[in-house]
C-alpha atoms as a PDB file:
ATOM      1  CA  GLN A   1      68.786  90.091  87.014  1.00  0.00           C
ATOM      2  CA  VAL A   2      71.748  88.824  88.711  1.00  0.00           C
ATOM      3  CA  HIS A   3      71.789  85.422  90.315  1.00  0.00           C
ATOM      4  CA  VAL A   4      74.539  83.501  92.060  1.00  0.00           C
ATOM      5  CA  VAL A   5      74.684  79.981  93.446  1.00  0.00           C
ATOM      6  CA  GLU A   6      77.496  79.188  95.803  1.00  0.00           C
ATOM      7  CA  SER A   7      78.569  75.634  96.392  1.00  0.00           C
ATOM      8  CA  GLY A   8      81.358  73.509  97.644  1.00  0.00           C
ATOM      9  CA  GLY A   9      81.172  74.220 101.415  1.00  0.00           C
ATOM     10  CA  GLY A  10      81.140  71.415 103.970  1.00  0.00           C
ATOM     11  CA  LEU A  11      82.728  70.134 107.091  1.00  0.00           C
ATOM     12  CA  VAL A  12      86.530  69.637 107.087  1.00  0.00           C
ATOM     13  CA  GLN A  13      89.314  69.185 109.761  1.00  0.00           C
ATOM     14  CA  ALA A  14      91.986  71.805 110.468  1.00  0.00           C
ATOM     15  CA  GLY A  15      94.561  71.581 107.801  1.00  0.00           C
ATOM     16  CA  GLY A  16      92.331  70.541 105.110  1.00  0.00           C
ATOM     17  CA  SER A  17      91.205  72.045 102.069  1.00  0.00           C
ATOM     18  CA  LEU A  18      87.920  73.032 100.121  1.00  0.00           C
ATOM     19  CA  ARG A  19      87.195  74.498  96.693  1.00  0.00           C
ATOM     20  CA  LEU A  20      84.077  76.764  96.575  1.00  0.00           C
ATOM     21  CA  SER A  21      82.317  77.615  93.537  1.00  0.00           C
ATOM     22  CA  CYS A  22      80.003  80.391  92.455  1.00  0.00           C
ATOM     23  CA  ALA A  23      78.064  80.109  89.339  1.00  0.00           C
ATOM     24  CA  VAL A  24      76.860  83.566  88.253  1.00  0.00           C
ATOM     25  CA  SER A  25      73.894  84.359  85.724  1.00  0.00           C
ATOM     26  CA  GLY A  26      72.039  87.560  84.648  1.00  0.00           C
ATOM     27  CA  ILE A  27      75.014  89.698  84.010  1.00  0.00           C
ATOM     28  CA  ILE A  28      77.884  90.021  81.568  1.00  0.00           C
ATOM     29  CA  PHE A  29      80.008  87.967  83.804  1.00  0.00           C
ATOM     30  CA  SER A  30      83.561  88.442  81.971  1.00  0.00           C
ATOM     31  CA  VAL A  31      83.606  92.428  82.424  1.00  0.00           C
ATOM     32  CA  ASN A  32      82.497  92.230  86.288  1.00  0.00           C
ATOM     33  CA  ALA A  33      84.821  92.104  89.146  1.00  0.00           C
ATOM     34  CA  MET A  34      83.800  89.538  91.584  1.00  0.00           C
ATOM     35  CA  ALA A  35      84.442  88.603  95.394  1.00  0.00           C
ATOM     36  CA  TRP A  36      84.079  86.209  97.911  1.00  0.00           C
ATOM     37  CA  TYR A  37      82.892  87.370 101.411  1.00  0.00           C
ATOM     38  CA  ARG A  38      82.304  85.416 104.808  1.00  0.00           C
ATOM     39  CA  GLN A  39      80.185  85.967 107.725  1.00  0.00           C
ATOM     40  CA  ALA A  40      81.105  84.002 110.919  1.00  0.00           C
ATOM     41  CA  PRO A  41      78.261  83.623 113.774  1.00  0.00           C
ATOM     42  CA  GLY A  42      78.121  86.743 115.631  1.00  0.00           C
ATOM     43  CA  LYS A  43      80.371  88.858 113.283  1.00  0.00           C
ATOM     44  CA  GLN A  44      80.083  91.176 110.402  1.00  0.00           C
ATOM     45  CA  ARG A  45      80.403  90.183 106.910  1.00  0.00           C
ATOM     46  CA  GLU A  46      84.018  90.608 105.647  1.00  0.00           C
ATOM     47  CA  LEU A  47      85.782  90.502 102.336  1.00  0.00           C
ATOM     48  CA  VAL A  48      87.859  87.361 101.744  1.00  0.00           C
ATOM     49  CA  ALA A  49      89.126  87.593  98.110  1.00  0.00           C
ATOM     50  CA  GLY A  50      88.578  89.669  95.085  1.00  0.00           C
ATOM     51  CA  ILE A  51      89.286  89.171  91.194  1.00  0.00           C
ATOM     52  CA  SER A  52      88.905  91.934  88.636  1.00  0.00           C
ATOM     53  CA  SER A  53      87.679  91.373  85.199  1.00  0.00           C
ATOM     54  CA  SER A  54      91.216  91.036  83.928  1.00  0.00           C
ATOM     55  CA  GLY A  55      92.315  88.426  86.730  1.00  0.00           C
ATOM     56  CA  SER A  56      94.093  90.858  89.083  1.00  0.00           C
ATOM     57  CA  THR A  57      93.445  89.334  92.630  1.00  0.00           C
ATOM     58  CA  ASN A  58      93.454  90.662  96.106  1.00  0.00           C
ATOM     59  CA  TYR A  59      93.131  89.045  99.657  1.00  0.00           C
ATOM     60  CA  ALA A  60      92.319  89.702 103.197  1.00  0.00           C
ATOM     61  CA  ASP A  61      95.520  89.357 105.274  1.00  0.00           C
ATOM     62  CA  SER A  62      93.880  86.601 107.362  1.00  0.00           C
ATOM     63  CA  VAL A  63      93.817  84.310 104.395  1.00  0.00           C
ATOM     64  CA  LYS A  64      96.728  85.460 102.294  1.00  0.00           C
ATOM     65  CA  GLY A  65      98.931  82.493 101.211  1.00  0.00           C
ATOM     66  CA  ARG A  66      96.225  79.874 101.907  1.00  0.00           C
ATOM     67  CA  VAL A  67      93.381  81.064  99.703  1.00  0.00           C
ATOM     68  CA  THR A  68      93.302  81.456  95.749  1.00  0.00           C
ATOM     69  CA  ILE A  69      90.566  83.015  93.859  1.00  0.00           C
ATOM     70  CA  SER A  70      89.939  82.453  90.350  1.00  0.00           C
ATOM     71  CA  ARG A  71      87.361  82.606  87.440  1.00  0.00           C
ATOM     72  CA  ASP A  72      86.348  80.952  84.379  1.00  0.00           C
ATOM     73  CA  ASN A  73      84.823  83.403  82.117  1.00  0.00           C
ATOM     74  CA  VAL A  74      83.475  80.292  79.698  1.00  0.00           C
ATOM     75  CA  LYS A  75      81.626  78.692  82.607  1.00  0.00           C
ATOM     76  CA  ASN A  76      80.532  82.224  84.240  1.00  0.00           C
ATOM     77  CA  THR A  77      82.068  80.866  87.522  1.00  0.00           C
ATOM     78  CA  VAL A  78      84.184  82.047  90.165  1.00  0.00           C
ATOM     79  CA  TYR A  79      86.189  79.696  92.445  1.00  0.00           C
ATOM     80  CA  LEU A  80      87.787  80.016  95.983  1.00  0.00           C
ATOM     81  CA  GLN A  81      90.559  77.316  96.656  1.00  0.00           C
ATOM     82  CA  MET A  82      91.081  77.172 100.450  1.00  0.00           C
ATOM     83  CA  ASN A  83      93.922  75.329 101.906  1.00  0.00           C
ATOM     84  CA  SER A  84      95.317  74.790 105.373  1.00  0.00           C
ATOM     85  CA  LEU A  85      92.047  75.622 106.896  1.00  0.00           C
ATOM     86  CA  LYS A  86      91.638  76.750 110.484  1.00  0.00           C
ATOM     87  CA  PRO A  87      88.642  76.623 112.834  1.00  0.00           C
ATOM     88  CA  GLU A  88      88.453  80.568 112.488  1.00  0.00           C
ATOM     89  CA  ASP A  89      87.844  80.255 108.727  1.00  0.00           C
ATOM     90  CA  THR A  90      84.355  78.702 109.774  1.00  0.00           C
ATOM     91  CA  ALA A  91      81.740  81.039 108.380  1.00  0.00           C
ATOM     92  CA  VAL A  92      78.835  81.089 105.779  1.00  0.00           C
ATOM     93  CA  TYR A  93      80.877  82.094 102.264  1.00  0.00           C
ATOM     94  CA  TYR A  94      79.131  84.479  99.733  1.00  0.00           C
ATOM     95  CA  CYS A  95      80.184  85.518  96.296  1.00  0.00           C
ATOM     96  CA  ARG A  96      78.865  88.581  94.428  1.00  0.00           C
ATOM     97  CA  PRO A  97      79.802  90.846  91.445  1.00  0.00           C
ATOM     98  CA  ILE A  98      80.994  93.778  93.386  1.00  0.00           C
ATOM     99  CA  LEU A  99      78.864  96.253  91.499  1.00  0.00           C
ATOM    100  CA  TYR A 100      75.732  94.708  92.512  1.00  0.00           C
ATOM    101  CA  ASN A 101      74.072  94.858  95.913  1.00  0.00           C
ATOM    102  CA  TYR A 102      72.951  91.175  95.611  1.00  0.00           C
ATOM    103  CA  TRP A 103      73.714  88.192  98.078  1.00  0.00           C
ATOM    104  CA  GLY A 104      73.046  84.625  97.336  1.00  0.00           C
ATOM    105  CA  GLN A 105      72.373  82.029  99.826  1.00  0.00           C
ATOM    106  CA  GLY A 106      76.064  81.329 100.610  1.00  0.00           C
ATOM    107  CA  THR A 107      77.612  78.317 101.401  1.00  0.00           C
ATOM    108  CA  GLN A 108      78.643  77.071 104.801  1.00  0.00           C
ATOM    109  CA  VAL A 109      82.222  76.153 105.654  1.00  0.00           C
ATOM    110  CA  THR A 110      82.968  74.497 109.143  1.00  0.00           C
ATOM    111  CA  VAL A 111      86.555  73.691 110.179  1.00  0.00           C
ATOM    112  CA  SER A 112      86.718  71.284 113.089  1.00  0.00           C
ATOM    113  CA  SER A 113      89.795  71.670 115.425  1.00  0.00           C
END
């Protein structure tokens, strides 16, 4: 069955950068579109960025220009490079293959002002 492990979160000052990683197993990774989501305290989970099997990407307006999603089909891993971080980016970040109703543990990102 599908399994994902997110990593790379942490505490960073506003303006800093983080690179999140998501290792995926249990599916044919290369043919699956992937996405990163986040959930801030007291808020609903929201889509941050997505990447198709062919590498096409899309981003939430709130992160456009600051975030880059990418994938490595050899390592079965999807990445989220986040730059110019803001306190409002503080959330637990999750990744998942979009066709599967599965959520991992997520990785906490905290941005201090």
